Amino acid sequence: MFQKNDPSIMDQIQKKTSVKPDELLKLANSVSQANLQDEATVRQLIAQVAKLANKPVSKEKEDQIVNAIINNNMPTDFASLAKMFNKK
């Protein structure tokens, strides 16, 4: 896990995303404690990520993400995740 005092990684993330390190750590903590089999919880996390990233998520995309997470069909490698989120 990222350490709060690891400036190199956190600075790079902030430069690329404009997300403050404290906000990212707070989100990571909430995800690690979340019940990812609960649809309402997953939808709430998606909304938090979208707000933090300042990126809208369509209802269709949200449904796809929720189904993938709840059914354990979520890819774990970054390339697959990036492709899933960038699909139009």
PDB file of N, CA and C in Angstrom:
ATOM      1  N   MET A   1       0.842  -1.184   0.000  1.00  0.00           N
ATOM      2  CA  MET A   1       0.000   0.000   0.000  1.00  0.00           C
ATOM      3  C   MET A   1       0.877   1.234   0.000  1.00  0.00           C
ATOM      4  N   PHE A   2       0.359   2.313  -0.529  1.00  0.00           N
ATOM      5  CA  PHE A   2       1.112   3.555  -0.542  1.00  0.00           C
ATOM      6  C   PHE A   2       1.266   4.082   0.871  1.00  0.00           C
ATOM      7  N   GLN A   3       2.412   4.613   1.147  1.00  0.00           N
ATOM      8  CA  GLN A   3       2.645   5.274   2.418  1.00  0.00           C
ATOM      9  C   GLN A   3       2.392   6.761   2.225  1.00  0.00           C
ATOM     10  N   LYS A   4       1.781   7.376   3.217  1.00  0.00           N
ATOM     11  CA  LYS A   4       1.455   8.791   3.124  1.00  0.00           C
ATOM     12  C   LYS A   4       2.709   9.635   2.901  1.00  0.00           C
ATOM     13  N   ASN A   5       3.833   9.164   3.407  1.00  0.00           N
ATOM     14  CA  ASN A   5       5.060   9.944   3.302  1.00  0.00           C
ATOM     15  C   ASN A   5       5.923   9.527   2.113  1.00  0.00           C
ATOM     16  N   ASP A   6       5.345   8.879   1.118  1.00  0.00           N
ATOM     17  CA  ASP A   6       6.072   8.499  -0.091  1.00  0.00           C
ATOM     18  C   ASP A   6       5.761   9.538  -1.172  1.00  0.00           C
ATOM     19  N   PRO A   7       6.499  10.648  -1.168  1.00  0.00           N
ATOM     20  CA  PRO A   7       6.137  11.760  -2.041  1.00  0.00           C
ATOM     21  C   PRO A   7       6.287  11.482  -3.531  1.00  0.00           C
ATOM     22  N   SER A   8       7.201  10.633  -3.920  1.00  0.00           N
ATOM     23  CA  SER A   8       7.420  10.438  -5.350  1.00  0.00           C
ATOM     24  C   SER A   8       6.196   9.847  -6.046  1.00  0.00           C
ATOM     25  N   ILE A   9       5.641   8.807  -5.502  1.00  0.00           N
ATOM     26  CA  ILE A   9       4.464   8.175  -6.106  1.00  0.00           C
ATOM     27  C   ILE A   9       3.255   9.094  -5.998  1.00  0.00           C
ATOM     28  N   MET A  10       3.040   9.628  -4.819  1.00  0.00           N
ATOM     29  CA  MET A  10       1.870  10.472  -4.596  1.00  0.00           C
ATOM     30  C   MET A  10       1.941  11.755  -5.427  1.00  0.00           C
ATOM     31  N   ASP A  11       3.121  12.334  -5.560  1.00  0.00           N
ATOM     32  CA  ASP A  11       3.271  13.536  -6.388  1.00  0.00           C
ATOM     33  C   ASP A  11       2.960  13.231  -7.848  1.00  0.00           C
ATOM     34  N   GLN A  12       3.420  12.089  -8.328  1.00  0.00           N
ATOM     35  CA  GLN A  12       3.154  11.701  -9.716  1.00  0.00           C
ATOM     36  C   GLN A  12       1.660  11.514  -9.950  1.00  0.00           C
ATOM     37  N   ILE A  13       1.005  10.863  -9.007  1.00  0.00           N
ATOM     38  CA  ILE A  13      -0.443  10.655  -9.133  1.00  0.00           C
ATOM     39  C   ILE A  13      -1.169  11.990  -9.123  1.00  0.00           C
ATOM     40  N   GLN A  14      -0.774  12.880  -8.218  1.00  0.00           N
ATOM     41  CA  GLN A  14      -1.435  14.180  -8.136  1.00  0.00           C
ATOM     42  C   GLN A  14      -1.215  14.993  -9.413  1.00  0.00           C
ATOM     43  N   LYS A  15      -0.021  14.946  -9.974  1.00  0.00           N
ATOM     44  CA  LYS A  15       0.255  15.683 -11.214  1.00  0.00           C
ATOM     45  C   LYS A  15      -0.605  15.172 -12.366  1.00  0.00           C
ATOM     46  N   LYS A  16      -0.798  13.863 -12.434  1.00  0.00           N
ATOM     47  CA  LYS A  16      -1.556  13.280 -13.547  1.00  0.00           C
ATOM     48  C   LYS A  16      -3.060  13.382 -13.360  1.00  0.00           C
ATOM     49  N   THR A  17      -3.521  13.380 -12.108  1.00  0.00           N
ATOM     50  CA  THR A  17      -4.957  13.308 -11.859  1.00  0.00           C
ATOM     51  C   THR A  17      -5.537  14.511 -11.133  1.00  0.00           C
ATOM     52  N   SER A  18      -4.709  15.351 -10.555  1.00  0.00           N
ATOM     53  CA  SER A  18      -5.133  16.479  -9.714  1.00  0.00           C
ATOM     54  C   SER A  18      -5.838  16.009  -8.445  1.00  0.00           C
ATOM     55  N   VAL A  19      -5.665  14.749  -8.094  1.00  0.00           N
ATOM     56  CA  VAL A  19      -6.249  14.203  -6.870  1.00  0.00           C
ATOM     57  C   VAL A  19      -5.214  14.323  -5.759  1.00  0.00           C
ATOM     58  N   LYS A  20      -5.622  14.919  -4.653  1.00  0.00           N
ATOM     59  CA  LYS A  20      -4.712  15.104  -3.527  1.00  0.00           C
ATOM     60  C   LYS A  20      -4.409  13.760  -2.874  1.00  0.00           C
ATOM     61  N   PRO A  21      -3.177  13.579  -2.405  1.00  0.00           N
ATOM     62  CA  PRO A  21      -2.790  12.304  -1.773  1.00  0.00           C
ATOM     63  C   PRO A  21      -3.704  11.888  -0.623  1.00  0.00           C
ATOM     64  N   ASP A  22      -4.114  12.841   0.210  1.00  0.00           N
ATOM     65  CA  ASP A  22      -4.998  12.492   1.327  1.00  0.00           C
ATOM     66  C   ASP A  22      -6.336  11.950   0.844  1.00  0.00           C
ATOM     67  N   GLU A  23      -6.858  12.535  -0.236  1.00  0.00           N
ATOM     68  CA  GLU A  23      -8.127  12.060  -0.792  1.00  0.00           C
ATOM     69  C   GLU A  23      -7.977  10.655  -1.361  1.00  0.00           C
ATOM     70  N   LEU A  24      -6.858  10.410  -2.020  1.00  0.00           N
ATOM     71  CA  LEU A  24      -6.599   9.089  -2.592  1.00  0.00           C
ATOM     72  C   LEU A  24      -6.463   8.033  -1.501  1.00  0.00           C
ATOM     73  N   LEU A  25      -5.758   8.364  -0.439  1.00  0.00           N
ATOM     74  CA  LEU A  25      -5.599   7.419   0.672  1.00  0.00           C
ATOM     75  C   LEU A  25      -6.929   7.151   1.370  1.00  0.00           C
ATOM     76  N   LYS A  26      -7.739   8.190   1.509  1.00  0.00           N
ATOM     77  CA  LYS A  26      -9.065   8.025   2.116  1.00  0.00           C
ATOM     78  C   LYS A  26      -9.927   7.088   1.265  1.00  0.00           C
ATOM     79  N   LEU A  27      -9.884   7.283  -0.059  1.00  0.00           N
ATOM     80  CA  LEU A  27     -10.639   6.414  -0.964  1.00  0.00           C
ATOM     81  C   LEU A  27     -10.132   4.980  -0.894  1.00  0.00           C
ATOM     82  N   ALA A  28      -8.819   4.811  -0.921  1.00  0.00           N
ATOM     83  CA  ALA A  28      -8.237   3.464  -0.847  1.00  0.00           C
ATOM     84  C   ALA A  28      -8.654   2.769   0.439  1.00  0.00           C
ATOM     85  N   ASN A  29      -8.685   3.489   1.531  1.00  0.00           N
ATOM     86  CA  ASN A  29      -9.101   2.917   2.809  1.00  0.00           C
ATOM     87  C   ASN A  29     -10.569   2.500   2.767  1.00  0.00           C
ATOM     88  N   SER A  30     -11.418   3.330   2.178  1.00  0.00           N
ATOM     89  CA  SER A  30     -12.843   2.981   2.120  1.00  0.00           C
ATOM     90  C   SER A  30     -13.084   1.779   1.215  1.00  0.00           C
ATOM     91  N   VAL A  31     -12.324   1.667   0.129  1.00  0.00           N
ATOM     92  CA  VAL A  31     -12.462   0.517  -0.769  1.00  0.00           C
ATOM     93  C   VAL A  31     -12.012  -0.756  -0.072  1.00  0.00           C
ATOM     94  N   SER A  32     -10.917  -0.674   0.666  1.00  0.00           N
ATOM     95  CA  SER A  32     -10.389  -1.877   1.315  1.00  0.00           C
ATOM     96  C   SER A  32     -11.332  -2.405   2.391  1.00  0.00           C
ATOM     97  N   GLN A  33     -12.179  -1.535   2.930  1.00  0.00           N
ATOM     98  CA  GLN A  33     -13.111  -1.957   3.976  1.00  0.00           C
ATOM     99  C   GLN A  33     -14.525  -2.207   3.449  1.00  0.00           C
ATOM    100  N   ALA A  34     -14.733  -2.015   2.161  1.00  0.00           N
ATOM    101  CA  ALA A  34     -16.077  -2.097   1.587  1.00  0.00           C
ATOM    102  C   ALA A  34     -16.488  -3.533   1.282  1.00  0.00           C
ATOM    103  N   ASN A  35     -17.795  -3.769   1.376  1.00  0.00           N
ATOM    104  CA  ASN A  35     -18.379  -5.042   0.963  1.00  0.00           C
ATOM    105  C   ASN A  35     -18.664  -4.940  -0.536  1.00  0.00           C
ATOM    106  N   LEU A  36     -17.779  -5.508  -1.336  1.00  0.00           N
ATOM    107  CA  LEU A  36     -17.908  -5.384  -2.786  1.00  0.00           C
ATOM    108  C   LEU A  36     -18.918  -6.351  -3.388  1.00  0.00           C
ATOM    109  N   GLN A  37     -19.666  -7.037  -2.543  1.00  0.00           N
ATOM    110  CA  GLN A  37     -20.760  -7.876  -3.019  1.00  0.00           C
ATOM    111  C   GLN A  37     -22.102  -7.172  -2.834  1.00  0.00           C
ATOM    112  N   ASP A  38     -22.081  -5.995  -2.212  1.00  0.00           N
ATOM    113  CA  ASP A  38     -23.289  -5.213  -1.974  1.00  0.00           C
ATOM    114  C   ASP A  38     -23.423  -4.148  -3.064  1.00  0.00           C
ATOM    115  N   GLU A  39     -24.493  -4.233  -3.845  1.00  0.00           N
ATOM    116  CA  GLU A  39     -24.658  -3.341  -4.994  1.00  0.00           C
ATOM    117  C   GLU A  39     -24.666  -1.872  -4.591  1.00  0.00           C
ATOM    118  N   ALA A  40     -25.362  -1.533  -3.528  1.00  0.00           N
ATOM    119  CA  ALA A  40     -25.428  -0.132  -3.098  1.00  0.00           C
ATOM    120  C   ALA A  40     -24.048   0.394  -2.717  1.00  0.00           C
ATOM    121  N   THR A  41     -23.263  -0.431  -2.050  1.00  0.00           N
ATOM    122  CA  THR A  41     -21.908  -0.037  -1.660  1.00  0.00           C
ATOM    123  C   THR A  41     -21.040   0.181  -2.888  1.00  0.00           C
ATOM    124  N   VAL A  42     -21.137  -0.720  -3.849  1.00  0.00           N
ATOM    125  CA  VAL A  42     -20.338  -0.606  -5.074  1.00  0.00           C
ATOM    126  C   VAL A  42     -20.727   0.658  -5.836  1.00  0.00           C
ATOM    127  N   ARG A  43     -22.015   0.929  -5.934  1.00  0.00           N
ATOM    128  CA  ARG A  43     -22.464   2.145  -6.630  1.00  0.00           C
ATOM    129  C   ARG A  43     -21.957   3.401  -5.917  1.00  0.00           C
ATOM    130  N   GLN A  44     -21.959   3.362  -4.602  1.00  0.00           N
ATOM    131  CA  GLN A  44     -21.454   4.500  -3.826  1.00  0.00           C
ATOM    132  C   GLN A  44     -19.958   4.714  -4.093  1.00  0.00           C
ATOM    133  N   LEU A  45     -19.200   3.630  -4.144  1.00  0.00           N
ATOM    134  CA  LEU A  45     -17.766   3.740  -4.429  1.00  0.00           C
ATOM    135  C   LEU A  45     -17.518   4.281  -5.839  1.00  0.00           C
ATOM    136  N   ILE A  46     -18.311   3.831  -6.796  1.00  0.00           N
ATOM    137  CA  ILE A  46     -18.175   4.329  -8.169  1.00  0.00           C
ATOM    138  C   ILE A  46     -18.434   5.831  -8.200  1.00  0.00           C
ATOM    139  N   ALA A  47     -19.462   6.267  -7.488  1.00  0.00           N
ATOM    140  CA  ALA A  47     -19.773   7.700  -7.430  1.00  0.00           C
ATOM    141  C   ALA A  47     -18.630   8.483  -6.786  1.00  0.00           C
ATOM    142  N   GLN A  48     -18.026   7.927  -5.739  1.00  0.00           N
ATOM    143  CA  GLN A  48     -16.901   8.597  -5.078  1.00  0.00           C
ATOM    144  C   GLN A  48     -15.717   8.734  -6.024  1.00  0.00           C
ATOM    145  N   VAL A  49     -15.410   7.664  -6.739  1.00  0.00           N
ATOM    146  CA  VAL A  49     -14.279   7.696  -7.676  1.00  0.00           C
ATOM    147  C   VAL A  49     -14.555   8.699  -8.794  1.00  0.00           C
ATOM    148  N   ALA A  50     -15.765   8.688  -9.334  1.00  0.00           N
ATOM    149  CA  ALA A  50     -16.118   9.612 -10.411  1.00  0.00           C
ATOM    150  C   ALA A  50     -16.000  11.061  -9.943  1.00  0.00           C
ATOM    151  N   LYS A  51     -16.476  11.325  -8.745  1.00  0.00           N
ATOM    152  CA  LYS A  51     -16.397  12.684  -8.193  1.00  0.00           C
ATOM    153  C   LYS A  51     -14.945  13.088  -7.970  1.00  0.00           C
ATOM    154  N   LEU A  52     -14.174  12.202  -7.394  1.00  0.00           N
ATOM    155  CA  LEU A  52     -12.768  12.480  -7.114  1.00  0.00           C
ATOM    156  C   LEU A  52     -11.993  12.738  -8.403  1.00  0.00           C
ATOM    157  N   ALA A  53     -12.286  11.959  -9.431  1.00  0.00           N
ATOM    158  CA  ALA A  53     -11.594  12.095 -10.714  1.00  0.00           C
ATOM    159  C   ALA A  53     -12.213  13.176 -11.600  1.00  0.00           C
ATOM    160  N   ASN A  54     -13.350  13.707 -11.158  1.00  0.00           N
ATOM    161  CA  ASN A  54     -14.078  14.707 -11.938  1.00  0.00           C
ATOM    162  C   ASN A  54     -14.412  14.181 -13.337  1.00  0.00           C
ATOM    163  N   LYS A  55     -14.862  12.919 -13.356  1.00  0.00           N
ATOM    164  CA  LYS A  55     -15.235  12.262 -14.609  1.00  0.00           C
ATOM    165  C   LYS A  55     -16.655  11.721 -14.470  1.00  0.00           C
ATOM    166  N   PRO A  56     -17.535  12.076 -15.389  1.00  0.00           N
ATOM    167  CA  PRO A  56     -18.888  11.521 -15.317  1.00  0.00           C
ATOM    168  C   PRO A  56     -18.893  10.038 -15.686  1.00  0.00           C
ATOM    169  N   VAL A  57     -19.780   9.300 -15.046  1.00  0.00           N
ATOM    170  CA  VAL A  57     -19.957   7.880 -15.353  1.00  0.00           C
ATOM    171  C   VAL A  57     -21.422   7.696 -15.736  1.00  0.00           C
ATOM    172  N   SER A  58     -21.653   7.251 -16.960  1.00  0.00           N
ATOM    173  CA  SER A  58     -23.026   7.053 -17.420  1.00  0.00           C
ATOM    174  C   SER A  58     -23.675   5.914 -16.636  1.00  0.00           C
ATOM    175  N   LYS A  59     -24.994   5.897 -16.642  1.00  0.00           N
ATOM    176  CA  LYS A  59     -25.738   4.828 -15.968  1.00  0.00           C
ATOM    177  C   LYS A  59     -25.358   3.477 -16.561  1.00  0.00           C
ATOM    178  N   GLU A  60     -25.211   3.420 -17.875  1.00  0.00           N
ATOM    179  CA  GLU A  60     -24.831   2.172 -18.548  1.00  0.00           C
ATOM    180  C   GLU A  60     -23.449   1.702 -18.090  1.00  0.00           C
ATOM    181  N   LYS A  61     -22.489   2.621 -18.040  1.00  0.00           N
ATOM    182  CA  LYS A  61     -21.129   2.277 -17.612  1.00  0.00           C
ATOM    183  C   LYS A  61     -21.137   1.860 -16.141  1.00  0.00           C
ATOM    184  N   GLU A  62     -21.899   2.574 -15.315  1.00  0.00           N
ATOM    185  CA  GLU A  62     -22.001   2.221 -13.898  1.00  0.00           C
ATOM    186  C   GLU A  62     -22.557   0.811 -13.741  1.00  0.00           C
ATOM    187  N   ASP A  63     -23.605   0.488 -14.499  1.00  0.00           N
ATOM    188  CA  ASP A  63     -24.185  -0.855 -14.433  1.00  0.00           C
ATOM    189  C   ASP A  63     -23.162  -1.922 -14.825  1.00  0.00           C
ATOM    190  N   GLN A  64     -22.378  -1.652 -15.875  1.00  0.00           N
ATOM    191  CA  GLN A  64     -21.352  -2.605 -16.309  1.00  0.00           C
ATOM    192  C   GLN A  64     -20.306  -2.819 -15.216  1.00  0.00           C
ATOM    193  N   ILE A  65     -19.870  -1.737 -14.603  1.00  0.00           N
ATOM    194  CA  ILE A  65     -18.853  -1.834 -13.547  1.00  0.00           C
ATOM    195  C   ILE A  65     -19.408  -2.588 -12.349  1.00  0.00           C
ATOM    196  N   VAL A  66     -20.631  -2.249 -11.944  1.00  0.00           N
ATOM    197  CA  VAL A  66     -21.262  -2.922 -10.800  1.00  0.00           C
ATOM    198  C   VAL A  66     -21.369  -4.416 -11.063  1.00  0.00           C
ATOM    199  N   ASN A  67     -21.875  -4.792 -12.233  1.00  0.00           N
ATOM    200  CA  ASN A  67     -22.017  -6.215 -12.552  1.00  0.00           C
ATOM    201  C   ASN A  67     -20.669  -6.924 -12.561  1.00  0.00           C
ATOM    202  N   ALA A  68     -19.661  -6.286 -13.111  1.00  0.00           N
ATOM    203  CA  ALA A  68     -18.330  -6.899 -13.158  1.00  0.00           C
ATOM    204  C   ALA A  68     -17.774  -7.114 -11.752  1.00  0.00           C
ATOM    205  N   ILE A  69     -17.951  -6.133 -10.890  1.00  0.00           N
ATOM    206  CA  ILE A  69     -17.418  -6.253  -9.526  1.00  0.00           C
ATOM    207  C   ILE A  69     -18.190  -7.296  -8.728  1.00  0.00           C
ATOM    208  N   ILE A  70     -19.504  -7.206  -8.751  1.00  0.00           N
ATOM    209  CA  ILE A  70     -20.329  -8.123  -7.953  1.00  0.00           C
ATOM    210  C   ILE A  70     -20.168  -9.566  -8.413  1.00  0.00           C
ATOM    211  N   ASN A  71     -20.016  -9.773  -9.711  1.00  0.00           N
ATOM    212  CA  ASN A  71     -19.874 -11.130 -10.248  1.00  0.00           C
ATOM    213  C   ASN A  71     -18.428 -11.591 -10.313  1.00  0.00           C
ATOM    214  N   ASN A  72     -17.535 -10.829  -9.693  1.00  0.00           N
ATOM    215  CA  ASN A  72     -16.099 -11.152  -9.670  1.00  0.00           C
ATOM    216  C   ASN A  72     -15.514 -11.300 -11.069  1.00  0.00           C
ATOM    217  N   ASN A  73     -16.037 -10.536 -12.012  1.00  0.00           N
ATOM    218  CA  ASN A  73     -15.523 -10.548 -13.382  1.00  0.00           C
ATOM    219  C   ASN A  73     -14.652  -9.330 -13.664  1.00  0.00           C
ATOM    220  N   MET A  74     -14.231  -8.660 -12.625  1.00  0.00           N
ATOM    221  CA  MET A  74     -13.423  -7.455 -12.784  1.00  0.00           C
ATOM    222  C   MET A  74     -11.989  -7.852 -13.083  1.00  0.00           C
ATOM    223  N   PRO A  75     -11.434  -7.353 -14.180  1.00  0.00           N
ATOM    224  CA  PRO A  75     -10.031  -7.668 -14.468  1.00  0.00           C
ATOM    225  C   PRO A  75      -9.124  -7.059 -13.405  1.00  0.00           C
ATOM    226  N   THR A  76      -7.999  -7.692 -13.186  1.00  0.00           N
ATOM    227  CA  THR A  76      -7.097  -7.207 -12.142  1.00  0.00           C
ATOM    228  C   THR A  76      -5.861  -6.516 -12.696  1.00  0.00           C
ATOM    229  N   ASP A  77      -5.611  -6.632 -13.987  1.00  0.00           N
ATOM    230  CA  ASP A  77      -4.442  -5.951 -14.531  1.00  0.00           C
ATOM    231  C   ASP A  77      -4.840  -4.559 -15.020  1.00  0.00           C
ATOM    232  N   PHE A  78      -3.902  -3.625 -14.914  1.00  0.00           N
ATOM    233  CA  PHE A  78      -4.187  -2.228 -15.214  1.00  0.00           C
ATOM    234  C   PHE A  78      -4.627  -2.013 -16.660  1.00  0.00           C
ATOM    235  N   ALA A  79      -4.011  -2.689 -17.601  1.00  0.00           N
ATOM    236  CA  ALA A  79      -4.348  -2.501 -19.016  1.00  0.00           C
ATOM    237  C   ALA A  79      -5.817  -2.843 -19.279  1.00  0.00           C
ATOM    238  N   SER A  80      -6.279  -3.939 -18.710  1.00  0.00           N
ATOM    239  CA  SER A  80      -7.680  -4.337 -18.893  1.00  0.00           C
ATOM    240  C   SER A  80      -8.626  -3.357 -18.216  1.00  0.00           C
ATOM    241  N   LEU A  81      -8.246  -2.893 -17.032  1.00  0.00           N
ATOM    242  CA  LEU A  81      -9.075  -1.910 -16.325  1.00  0.00           C
ATOM    243  C   LEU A  81      -9.163  -0.612 -17.122  1.00  0.00           C
ATOM    244  N   ALA A  82      -8.039  -0.147 -17.626  1.00  0.00           N
ATOM    245  CA  ALA A  82      -8.023   1.093 -18.401  1.00  0.00           C
ATOM    246  C   ALA A  82      -8.890   0.957 -19.646  1.00  0.00           C
ATOM    247  N   LYS A  83      -8.802  -0.186 -20.305  1.00  0.00           N
ATOM    248  CA  LYS A  83      -9.600  -0.430 -21.509  1.00  0.00           C
ATOM    249  C   LYS A  83     -11.091  -0.416 -21.160  1.00  0.00           C
ATOM    250  N   MET A  84     -11.462  -1.036 -20.040  1.00  0.00           N
ATOM    251  CA  MET A  84     -12.861  -1.091 -19.626  1.00  0.00           C
ATOM    252  C   MET A  84     -13.404   0.312 -19.348  1.00  0.00           C
ATOM    253  N   PHE A  85     -12.622   1.128 -18.654  1.00  0.00           N
ATOM    254  CA  PHE A  85     -13.093   2.457 -18.294  1.00  0.00           C
ATOM    255  C   PHE A  85     -13.083   3.421 -19.474  1.00  0.00           C
ATOM    256  N   ASN A  86     -12.292   3.157 -20.490  1.00  0.00           N
ATOM    257  CA  ASN A  86     -12.213   4.061 -21.630  1.00  0.00           C
ATOM    258  C   ASN A  86     -13.152   3.690 -22.763  1.00  0.00           C
ATOM    259  N   LYS A  87     -13.848   2.556 -22.651  1.00  0.00           N
ATOM    260  CA  LYS A  87     -14.821   2.172 -23.679  1.00  0.00           C
ATOM    261  C   LYS A  87     -15.926   3.202 -23.728  1.00  0.00           C
ATOM    262  N   LYS A  88     -16.359   3.501 -24.920  1.00  0.00           N
ATOM    263  CA  LYS A  88     -17.461   4.468 -25.086  1.00  0.00           C
ATOM    264  C   LYS A  88     -18.749   3.729 -25.285  1.00  0.00           C
TER     265      LYS A  88
END
